[in-house]
Amino acid sequence: MIDVVWTISELEQFSAQDRPGVLIDVLRASTTMTTAIHNGARAVVPAASIEEALRIGNSIGRDNVLLCGERQGVRIEGFDLGNSPSEFTAGVIRQRTIVMTTTNGTRALKLLSGASPVFIGAFVNLRAVARELSRAERDPLIVCAGLDGRVSVDDALCAGMLIERCLKKRSKRAGAPELGDGAIAALALARQQGTVSVDFLRDTAAGQALERVGLGEDLALCAKVDSILEVPILRDSQITRLELAEQTADGVKRK
């Protein structure tokens, strides 16, 4: 059964153990992490708090990492980067290790530790994540990071669009998967909305919050469906590109 958790507070009601997990935080952690991996970051190390981020950065060596993150949308004082995908260009982050802490997304990742594997999903890499989920033997648990403990409709729409693509891929094989109530609701939203737009994101609570802090330009980047082919994967407490993670673990790169 495909399940969708609309807020991380619901996670305790679901078993993530040994099933694929997908973290969705469209505005903006999962979009930014995916952008970072796409543009050549060595790894993204998620941290649940500012203190943990500083501790990890110091343990790796401050000269070797970029500290990145936000609280309530605004870059953390003293950090190298915030959480805007536009900041994570190849010239800035290529071959760098990024330690990141965000208000919602990185905290949600910490709570998904029982899932295996854990993918990072957003509008920008929907096709790529759906491809990987179609290869999995078990049905996924899709987790929406939400906004300060509340439902975030942008995350829910992304989850629904991901389910729609998974169902199309599964229809080519024997039998469609069952859907939990959260997945049914997310799919209904996606089918009603059709697709995502900048205007849609701007009308959401998260979009309005970004507009208030002067970061509304991020919405256009977050709305670029299928603009990135990579699938970031969380393994051993760090996020890397899926093929690189498999090459490291198995010694053989997937074709």
C-alpha atoms as a PDB file:
ATOM      1  CA  MET A   1       0.000   0.000   0.000  1.00  0.00           C
ATOM      2  CA  ILE A   2       1.277   3.455  -0.926  1.00  0.00           C
ATOM      3  CA  ASP A   3       0.933   5.787   2.043  1.00  0.00           C
ATOM      4  CA  VAL A   4       1.261   9.554   2.213  1.00  0.00           C
ATOM      5  CA  VAL A   5       1.979  11.298   5.494  1.00  0.00           C
ATOM      6  CA  TRP A   6       0.756  14.887   5.209  1.00  0.00           C
ATOM      7  CA  THR A   7       2.714  16.153   8.247  1.00  0.00           C
ATOM      8  CA  ILE A   8       5.664  14.675  10.085  1.00  0.00           C
ATOM      9  CA  SER A   9       3.609  14.458  13.290  1.00  0.00           C
ATOM     10  CA  GLU A  10       1.687  11.594  11.626  1.00  0.00           C
ATOM     11  CA  LEU A  11       4.817   9.525  11.053  1.00  0.00           C
ATOM     12  CA  GLU A  12       4.480   7.645  14.327  1.00  0.00           C
ATOM     13  CA  GLN A  13       1.241   6.088  12.994  1.00  0.00           C
ATOM     14  CA  PHE A  14       3.060   4.431  10.087  1.00  0.00           C
ATOM     15  CA  SER A  15       5.806   1.879   9.821  1.00  0.00           C
ATOM     16  CA  ALA A  16       8.679   3.074   7.666  1.00  0.00           C
ATOM     17  CA  GLN A  17      10.823   0.052   8.413  1.00  0.00           C
ATOM     18  CA  ASP A  18      12.437  -1.522   5.341  1.00  0.00           C
ATOM     19  CA  ARG A  19      10.192   0.200   2.801  1.00  0.00           C
ATOM     20  CA  PRO A  20      11.142   2.980   0.399  1.00  0.00           C
ATOM     21  CA  GLY A  21      10.699   6.447   1.841  1.00  0.00           C
ATOM     22  CA  VAL A  22      10.365   9.751  -0.020  1.00  0.00           C
ATOM     23  CA  LEU A  23      10.853  13.102   1.661  1.00  0.00           C
ATOM     24  CA  ILE A  24       9.013  15.989  -0.013  1.00  0.00           C
ATOM     25  CA  ASP A  25       9.629  19.571   1.052  1.00  0.00           C
ATOM     26  CA  VAL A  26       8.976  21.527  -2.127  1.00  0.00           C
ATOM     27  CA  LEU A  27       9.503  24.973  -0.566  1.00  0.00           C
ATOM     28  CA  ARG A  28      12.360  24.454  -0.330  1.00  0.00           C
ATOM     29  CA  ALA A  29      14.608  21.848   1.258  1.00  0.00           C
ATOM     30  CA  SER A  30      14.036  18.937  -1.117  1.00  0.00           C
ATOM     31  CA  THR A  31      14.249  21.224  -4.157  1.00  0.00           C
ATOM     32  CA  THR A  32      17.490  22.734  -2.886  1.00  0.00           C
ATOM     33  CA  MET A  33      19.045  19.373  -1.963  1.00  0.00           C
ATOM     34  CA  THR A  34      18.187  18.004  -5.400  1.00  0.00           C
ATOM     35  CA  THR A  35      19.659  21.090  -7.042  1.00  0.00           C
ATOM     36  CA  ALA A  36      22.837  20.730  -4.984  1.00  0.00           C
ATOM     37  CA  ILE A  37      23.320  17.093  -5.990  1.00  0.00           C
ATOM     38  CA  HIS A  38      22.554  17.950  -9.616  1.00  0.00           C
ATOM     39  CA  ASN A  39      25.177  20.702  -9.591  1.00  0.00           C
ATOM     40  CA  GLY A  40      27.909  18.454  -8.262  1.00  0.00           C
ATOM     41  CA  ALA A  41      27.923  18.649  -4.476  1.00  0.00           C
ATOM     42  CA  ARG A  42      29.923  15.788  -2.990  1.00  0.00           C
ATOM     43  CA  ALA A  43      27.217  15.172  -0.374  1.00  0.00           C
ATOM     44  CA  VAL A  44      24.537  16.910   1.655  1.00  0.00           C
ATOM     45  CA  VAL A  45      24.560  16.089   5.353  1.00  0.00           C
ATOM     46  CA  PRO A  46      21.209  16.938   6.981  1.00  0.00           C
ATOM     47  CA  ALA A  47      21.152  18.255  10.542  1.00  0.00           C
ATOM     48  CA  ALA A  48      18.080  18.626  12.731  1.00  0.00           C
ATOM     49  CA  SER A  49      19.333  21.736  14.542  1.00  0.00           C
ATOM     50  CA  ILE A  50      21.753  24.623  14.167  1.00  0.00           C
ATOM     51  CA  GLU A  51      23.861  23.187  16.968  1.00  0.00           C
ATOM     52  CA  GLU A  52      24.077  19.802  15.247  1.00  0.00           C
ATOM     53  CA  ALA A  53      25.027  21.462  11.951  1.00  0.00           C
ATOM     54  CA  LEU A  54      27.856  23.353  13.629  1.00  0.00           C
ATOM     55  CA  ARG A  55      29.038  20.206  15.381  1.00  0.00           C
ATOM     56  CA  ILE A  56      29.067  18.192  12.132  1.00  0.00           C
ATOM     57  CA  GLY A  57      30.791  21.025  10.267  1.00  0.00           C
ATOM     58  CA  ASN A  58      33.520  21.261  12.884  1.00  0.00           C
ATOM     59  CA  SER A  59      34.031  17.491  12.942  1.00  0.00           C
ATOM     60  CA  ILE A  60      34.509  17.353   9.156  1.00  0.00           C
ATOM     61  CA  GLY A  61      36.641  20.479   9.131  1.00  0.00           C
ATOM     62  CA  ARG A  62      35.247  23.932   8.545  1.00  0.00           C
ATOM     63  CA  ASP A  63      37.451  24.481   5.480  1.00  0.00           C
ATOM     64  CA  ASN A  64      35.925  21.434   3.802  1.00  0.00           C
ATOM     65  CA  VAL A  65      32.210  22.167   4.230  1.00  0.00           C
ATOM     66  CA  LEU A  66      29.590  24.749   3.425  1.00  0.00           C
ATOM     67  CA  LEU A  67      27.161  25.410   6.254  1.00  0.00           C
ATOM     68  CA  CYS A  68      23.719  25.991   4.789  1.00  0.00           C
ATOM     69  CA  GLY A  69      20.257  26.490   6.151  1.00  0.00           C
ATOM     70  CA  GLU A  70      17.432  28.717   7.266  1.00  0.00           C
ATOM     71  CA  ARG A  71      15.014  29.409  10.040  1.00  0.00           C
ATOM     72  CA  GLN A  72      11.613  30.733   8.974  1.00  0.00           C
ATOM     73  CA  GLY A  73      12.982  31.142   5.461  1.00  0.00           C
ATOM     74  CA  VAL A  74      15.941  33.370   6.350  1.00  0.00           C
ATOM     75  CA  ARG A  75      19.590  32.319   6.106  1.00  0.00           C
ATOM     76  CA  ILE A  76      21.062  31.442   9.486  1.00  0.00           C
ATOM     77  CA  GLU A  77      23.500  34.075  10.691  1.00  0.00           C
ATOM     78  CA  GLY A  78      27.094  33.005  10.100  1.00  0.00           C
ATOM     79  CA  PHE A  79      26.184  30.272   7.597  1.00  0.00           C
ATOM     80  CA  ASP A  80      27.617  30.228   4.081  1.00  0.00           C
ATOM     81  CA  LEU A  81      24.332  29.717   2.222  1.00  0.00           C
ATOM     82  CA  GLY A  82      20.638  29.743   2.980  1.00  0.00           C
ATOM     83  CA  ASN A  83      18.049  27.442   1.437  1.00  0.00           C
ATOM     84  CA  SER A  84      17.449  29.067  -1.956  1.00  0.00           C
ATOM     85  CA  PRO A  85      18.103  26.721  -4.891  1.00  0.00           C
ATOM     86  CA  SER A  86      19.483  29.694  -6.828  1.00  0.00           C
ATOM     87  CA  GLU A  87      22.440  29.860  -4.408  1.00  0.00           C
ATOM     88  CA  PHE A  88      23.534  26.285  -5.082  1.00  0.00           C
ATOM     89  CA  THR A  89      25.248  26.797  -8.412  1.00  0.00           C
ATOM     90  CA  ALA A  90      27.972  24.498  -9.689  1.00  0.00           C
ATOM     91  CA  GLY A  91      30.573  27.224  -9.229  1.00  0.00           C
ATOM     92  CA  VAL A  92      29.756  27.488  -5.543  1.00  0.00           C
ATOM     93  CA  ILE A  93      29.084  23.926  -4.428  1.00  0.00           C
ATOM     94  CA  ARG A  94      30.775  21.540  -6.866  1.00  0.00           C
ATOM     95  CA  GLN A  95      32.771  18.871  -4.965  1.00  0.00           C
ATOM     96  CA  ARG A  96      31.883  20.483  -1.635  1.00  0.00           C
ATOM     97  CA  THR A  97      30.232  18.781   1.319  1.00  0.00           C
ATOM     98  CA  ILE A  98      27.132  20.664   2.405  1.00  0.00           C
ATOM     99  CA  VAL A  99      25.859  20.523   5.966  1.00  0.00           C
ATOM    100  CA  MET A 100      22.250  21.696   5.946  1.00  0.00           C
ATOM    101  CA  THR A 101      19.596  22.427   8.531  1.00  0.00           C
ATOM    102  CA  THR A 102      16.143  23.747   7.687  1.00  0.00           C
ATOM    103  CA  THR A 103      12.969  24.520   9.586  1.00  0.00           C
ATOM    104  CA  ASN A 104      11.030  21.474   8.368  1.00  0.00           C
ATOM    105  CA  GLY A 105      12.796  19.303   5.786  1.00  0.00           C
ATOM    106  CA  THR A 106      15.944  18.132   7.544  1.00  0.00           C
ATOM    107  CA  ARG A 107      13.987  17.405  10.725  1.00  0.00           C
ATOM    108  CA  ALA A 108      11.628  15.206   8.720  1.00  0.00           C
ATOM    109  CA  LEU A 109      14.592  13.299   7.252  1.00  0.00           C
ATOM    110  CA  LYS A 110      15.821  12.443  10.727  1.00  0.00           C
ATOM    111  CA  LEU A 111      12.453  10.832  11.469  1.00  0.00           C
ATOM    112  CA  LEU A 112      12.619   8.667   8.322  1.00  0.00           C
ATOM    113  CA  SER A 113      15.651   6.718   9.466  1.00  0.00           C
ATOM    114  CA  GLY A 114      13.829   3.372   9.431  1.00  0.00           C
ATOM    115  CA  ALA A 115      12.958   3.566   5.749  1.00  0.00           C
ATOM    116  CA  SER A 116      15.259   2.044   3.147  1.00  0.00           C
ATOM    117  CA  PRO A 117      16.093   3.544   0.785  1.00  0.00           C
ATOM    118  CA  VAL A 118      15.144   7.186   1.402  1.00  0.00           C
ATOM    119  CA  PHE A 119      14.796   9.375  -1.691  1.00  0.00           C
ATOM    120  CA  ILE A 120      14.528  13.157  -1.883  1.00  0.00           C
ATOM    121  CA  GLY A 121      11.597  14.233  -4.052  1.00  0.00           C
ATOM    122  CA  ALA A 122      10.328  17.518  -5.456  1.00  0.00           C
ATOM    123  CA  PHE A 123       8.603  18.793  -8.582  1.00  0.00           C
ATOM    124  CA  VAL A 124      12.010  19.200 -10.197  1.00  0.00           C
ATOM    125  CA  ASN A 125      12.765  15.453 -10.185  1.00  0.00           C
ATOM    126  CA  LEU A 126       9.337  13.808 -10.202  1.00  0.00           C
ATOM    127  CA  ARG A 127      10.026  11.572 -13.198  1.00  0.00           C
ATOM    128  CA  ALA A 128      13.307  10.329 -11.777  1.00  0.00           C
ATOM    129  CA  VAL A 129      11.861   9.493  -8.355  1.00  0.00           C
ATOM    130  CA  ALA A 130       8.831   7.755  -9.904  1.00  0.00           C
ATOM    131  CA  ARG A 131      11.240   5.643 -11.964  1.00  0.00           C
ATOM    132  CA  GLU A 132      13.042   4.449  -8.848  1.00  0.00           C
ATOM    133  CA  LEU A 133       9.837   3.746  -6.940  1.00  0.00           C
ATOM    134  CA  SER A 134       8.568   1.646  -9.860  1.00  0.00           C
ATOM    135  CA  ARG A 135      11.650  -0.563  -9.458  1.00  0.00           C
ATOM    136  CA  ALA A 136      11.130  -1.090  -5.724  1.00  0.00           C
ATOM    137  CA  GLU A 137       9.727  -4.362  -4.415  1.00  0.00           C
ATOM    138  CA  ARG A 138       7.705  -2.669  -1.663  1.00  0.00           C
ATOM    139  CA  ASP A 139       5.278   0.251  -1.799  1.00  0.00           C
ATOM    140  CA  PRO A 140       6.630   3.585  -0.550  1.00  0.00           C
ATOM    141  CA  LEU A 141       5.879   5.820   2.370  1.00  0.00           C
ATOM    142  CA  ILE A 142       5.791   9.392   1.051  1.00  0.00           C
ATOM    143  CA  VAL A 143       6.372  12.011   3.739  1.00  0.00           C
ATOM    144  CA  CYS A 144       5.380  15.638   3.304  1.00  0.00           C
ATOM    145  CA  ALA A 145       7.474  17.878   5.535  1.00  0.00           C
ATOM    146  CA  GLY A 146       4.618  20.345   5.959  1.00  0.00           C
ATOM    147  CA  LEU A 147       4.932  23.828   7.376  1.00  0.00           C
ATOM    148  CA  ASP A 148       5.532  24.221  11.099  1.00  0.00           C
ATOM    149  CA  GLY A 149       3.501  21.122  11.897  1.00  0.00           C
ATOM    150  CA  ARG A 150       0.662  21.970   9.527  1.00  0.00           C
ATOM    151  CA  VAL A 151      -0.350  20.529   6.150  1.00  0.00           C
ATOM    152  CA  SER A 152       1.450  22.143   3.223  1.00  0.00           C
ATOM    153  CA  VAL A 153      -0.626  21.929   0.054  1.00  0.00           C
ATOM    154  CA  ASP A 154       2.431  22.286  -2.192  1.00  0.00           C
ATOM    155  CA  ASP A 155       3.959  19.155  -0.673  1.00  0.00           C
ATOM    156  CA  ALA A 156       0.621  17.343  -0.935  1.00  0.00           C
ATOM    157  CA  LEU A 157       0.287  18.243  -4.625  1.00  0.00           C
ATOM    158  CA  CYS A 158       3.808  16.986  -5.301  1.00  0.00           C
ATOM    159  CA  ALA A 159       3.005  13.724  -3.496  1.00  0.00           C
ATOM    160  CA  GLY A 160      -0.137  13.308  -5.577  1.00  0.00           C
ATOM    161  CA  MET A 161       1.669  13.960  -8.838  1.00  0.00           C
ATOM    162  CA  LEU A 162       4.321  11.425  -7.827  1.00  0.00           C
ATOM    163  CA  ILE A 163       1.643   8.820  -7.100  1.00  0.00           C
ATOM    164  CA  GLU A 164       0.006   9.518 -10.464  1.00  0.00           C
ATOM    165  CA  ARG A 165       3.278   8.778 -12.233  1.00  0.00           C
ATOM    166  CA  CYS A 166       3.904   5.673 -10.141  1.00  0.00           C
ATOM    167  CA  LEU A 167       0.450   4.327 -11.023  1.00  0.00           C
ATOM    168  CA  LYS A 168       1.104   4.840 -14.736  1.00  0.00           C
ATOM    169  CA  LYS A 169       4.377   2.955 -14.485  1.00  0.00           C
ATOM    170  CA  ARG A 170       2.829   0.189 -12.404  1.00  0.00           C
ATOM    171  CA  SER A 171      -0.052  -0.211 -14.870  1.00  0.00           C
ATOM    172  CA  LYS A 172       2.458  -1.644 -17.309  1.00  0.00           C
ATOM    173  CA  ARG A 173       3.094  -4.434 -14.816  1.00  0.00           C
ATOM    174  CA  ALA A 174       0.710  -6.803 -13.076  1.00  0.00           C
ATOM    175  CA  GLY A 175      -1.688  -5.107 -10.673  1.00  0.00           C
ATOM    176  CA  ALA A 176      -1.946  -1.568  -9.347  1.00  0.00           C
ATOM    177  CA  PRO A 177      -0.925  -0.946  -5.744  1.00  0.00           C
ATOM    178  CA  GLU A 178      -3.439  -0.149  -3.013  1.00  0.00           C
ATOM    179  CA  LEU A 179      -3.559   3.427  -1.743  1.00  0.00           C
ATOM    180  CA  GLY A 180      -3.939   4.608   1.829  1.00  0.00           C
ATOM    181  CA  ASP A 181      -6.325   7.461   2.619  1.00  0.00           C
ATOM    182  CA  GLY A 182      -3.539  10.069   2.549  1.00  0.00           C
ATOM    183  CA  ALA A 183      -2.441   8.836  -0.860  1.00  0.00           C
ATOM    184  CA  ILE A 184      -6.021   8.875  -2.185  1.00  0.00           C
ATOM    185  CA  ALA A 185      -6.448  12.492  -1.044  1.00  0.00           C
ATOM    186  CA  ALA A 186      -3.106  13.579  -2.527  1.00  0.00           C
ATOM    187  CA  LEU A 187      -3.936  11.882  -5.827  1.00  0.00           C
ATOM    188  CA  ALA A 188      -7.336  13.592  -5.934  1.00  0.00           C
ATOM    189  CA  LEU A 189      -5.645  16.961  -5.414  1.00  0.00           C
ATOM    190  CA  ALA A 190      -3.184  16.265  -8.221  1.00  0.00           C
ATOM    191  CA  ARG A 191      -5.916  15.203 -10.618  1.00  0.00           C
ATOM    192  CA  GLN A 192      -7.987  18.278  -9.810  1.00  0.00           C
ATOM    193  CA  GLN A 193      -5.039  20.674 -10.090  1.00  0.00           C
ATOM    194  CA  GLY A 194      -3.455  19.023 -13.125  1.00  0.00           C
ATOM    195  CA  THR A 195       0.025  20.448 -12.666  1.00  0.00           C
ATOM    196  CA  VAL A 196       1.937  22.983 -10.620  1.00  0.00           C
ATOM    197  CA  SER A 197       2.432  26.653 -11.452  1.00  0.00           C
ATOM    198  CA  VAL A 198       4.202  29.593  -9.891  1.00  0.00           C
ATOM    199  CA  ASP A 199       0.828  31.169  -9.167  1.00  0.00           C
ATOM    200  CA  PHE A 200      -0.274  28.036  -7.310  1.00  0.00           C
ATOM    201  CA  LEU A 201       2.871  28.062  -5.175  1.00  0.00           C
ATOM    202  CA  ARG A 202       2.534  31.785  -4.536  1.00  0.00           C
ATOM    203  CA  ASP A 203      -0.945  31.257  -3.079  1.00  0.00           C
ATOM    204  CA  THR A 204       0.196  28.628  -0.580  1.00  0.00           C
ATOM    205  CA  ALA A 205       1.124  29.478   3.000  1.00  0.00           C
ATOM    206  CA  ALA A 206       4.748  28.525   2.336  1.00  0.00           C
ATOM    207  CA  GLY A 207       4.823  30.602  -0.836  1.00  0.00           C
ATOM    208  CA  GLN A 208       3.392  33.625   0.935  1.00  0.00           C
ATOM    209  CA  ALA A 209       5.977  33.220   3.680  1.00  0.00           C
ATOM    210  CA  LEU A 210       8.763  33.310   1.081  1.00  0.00           C
ATOM    211  CA  GLU A 211       7.255  36.399  -0.517  1.00  0.00           C
ATOM    212  CA  ARG A 212       7.236  38.158   2.868  1.00  0.00           C
ATOM    213  CA  VAL A 213      10.975  37.611   3.364  1.00  0.00           C
ATOM    214  CA  GLY A 214      11.820  38.678  -0.198  1.00  0.00           C
ATOM    215  CA  LEU A 215      12.465  35.194  -1.608  1.00  0.00           C
ATOM    216  CA  GLY A 216       9.538  34.910  -3.977  1.00  0.00           C
ATOM    217  CA  GLU A 217      11.871  34.353  -6.928  1.00  0.00           C
ATOM    218  CA  ASP A 218      12.553  30.862  -5.567  1.00  0.00           C
ATOM    219  CA  LEU A 219       9.017  29.808  -6.514  1.00  0.00           C
ATOM    220  CA  ALA A 220       9.805  29.680 -10.232  1.00  0.00           C
ATOM    221  CA  LEU A 221      12.759  27.350  -9.613  1.00  0.00           C
ATOM    222  CA  CYS A 222      10.698  25.096  -7.353  1.00  0.00           C
ATOM    223  CA  ALA A 223       7.935  24.809  -9.980  1.00  0.00           C
ATOM    224  CA  LYS A 224      10.175  23.459 -12.789  1.00  0.00           C
ATOM    225  CA  VAL A 225       8.743  19.973 -13.173  1.00  0.00           C
ATOM    226  CA  ASP A 226      11.223  17.306 -14.352  1.00  0.00           C
ATOM    227  CA  SER A 227      14.067  19.771 -14.829  1.00  0.00           C
ATOM    228  CA  ILE A 228      16.517  17.480 -12.990  1.00  0.00           C
ATOM    229  CA  LEU A 229      17.272  13.830 -13.759  1.00  0.00           C
ATOM    230  CA  GLU A 230      19.120  12.902 -10.571  1.00  0.00           C
ATOM    231  CA  VAL A 231      17.627  11.163  -7.556  1.00  0.00           C
ATOM    232  CA  PRO A 232      19.255  12.142  -4.243  1.00  0.00           C
ATOM    233  CA  ILE A 233      19.347   9.261  -1.772  1.00  0.00           C
ATOM    234  CA  LEU A 234      19.985   9.305   1.979  1.00  0.00           C
ATOM    235  CA  ARG A 235      22.441   6.645   3.109  1.00  0.00           C
ATOM    236  CA  ASP A 236      24.738   6.540   6.110  1.00  0.00           C
ATOM    237  CA  SER A 237      23.455   9.940   7.286  1.00  0.00           C
ATOM    238  CA  GLN A 238      24.341  11.753   4.085  1.00  0.00           C
ATOM    239  CA  ILE A 239      22.633  12.489   0.792  1.00  0.00           C
ATOM    240  CA  THR A 240      24.384  11.647  -2.456  1.00  0.00           C
ATOM    241  CA  ARG A 241      23.408  10.963  -6.054  1.00  0.00           C
ATOM    242  CA  LEU A 242      21.761   7.534  -6.362  1.00  0.00           C
ATOM    243  CA  GLU A 243      24.235   6.082  -8.871  1.00  0.00           C
ATOM    244  CA  LEU A 244      27.203   7.294  -6.840  1.00  0.00           C
ATOM    245  CA  ALA A 245      25.746   5.776  -3.680  1.00  0.00           C
ATOM    246  CA  GLU A 246      25.277   2.426  -5.404  1.00  0.00           C
ATOM    247  CA  GLN A 247      28.762   2.511  -6.873  1.00  0.00           C
ATOM    248  CA  THR A 248      30.185   3.180  -3.415  1.00  0.00           C
ATOM    249  CA  ALA A 249      28.167   0.393  -1.813  1.00  0.00           C
ATOM    250  CA  ASP A 250      28.407  -2.259  -4.500  1.00  0.00           C
ATOM    251  CA  GLY A 251      31.493  -1.380  -6.464  1.00  0.00           C
ATOM    252  CA  VAL A 252      29.403  -1.391  -9.661  1.00  0.00           C
ATOM    253  CA  LYS A 253      27.646   1.589 -11.131  1.00  0.00           C
ATOM    254  CA  ARG A 254      24.074   1.018 -12.287  1.00  0.00           C
ATOM    255  CA  LYS A 255      23.519   1.329 -16.038  1.00  0.00           C
END
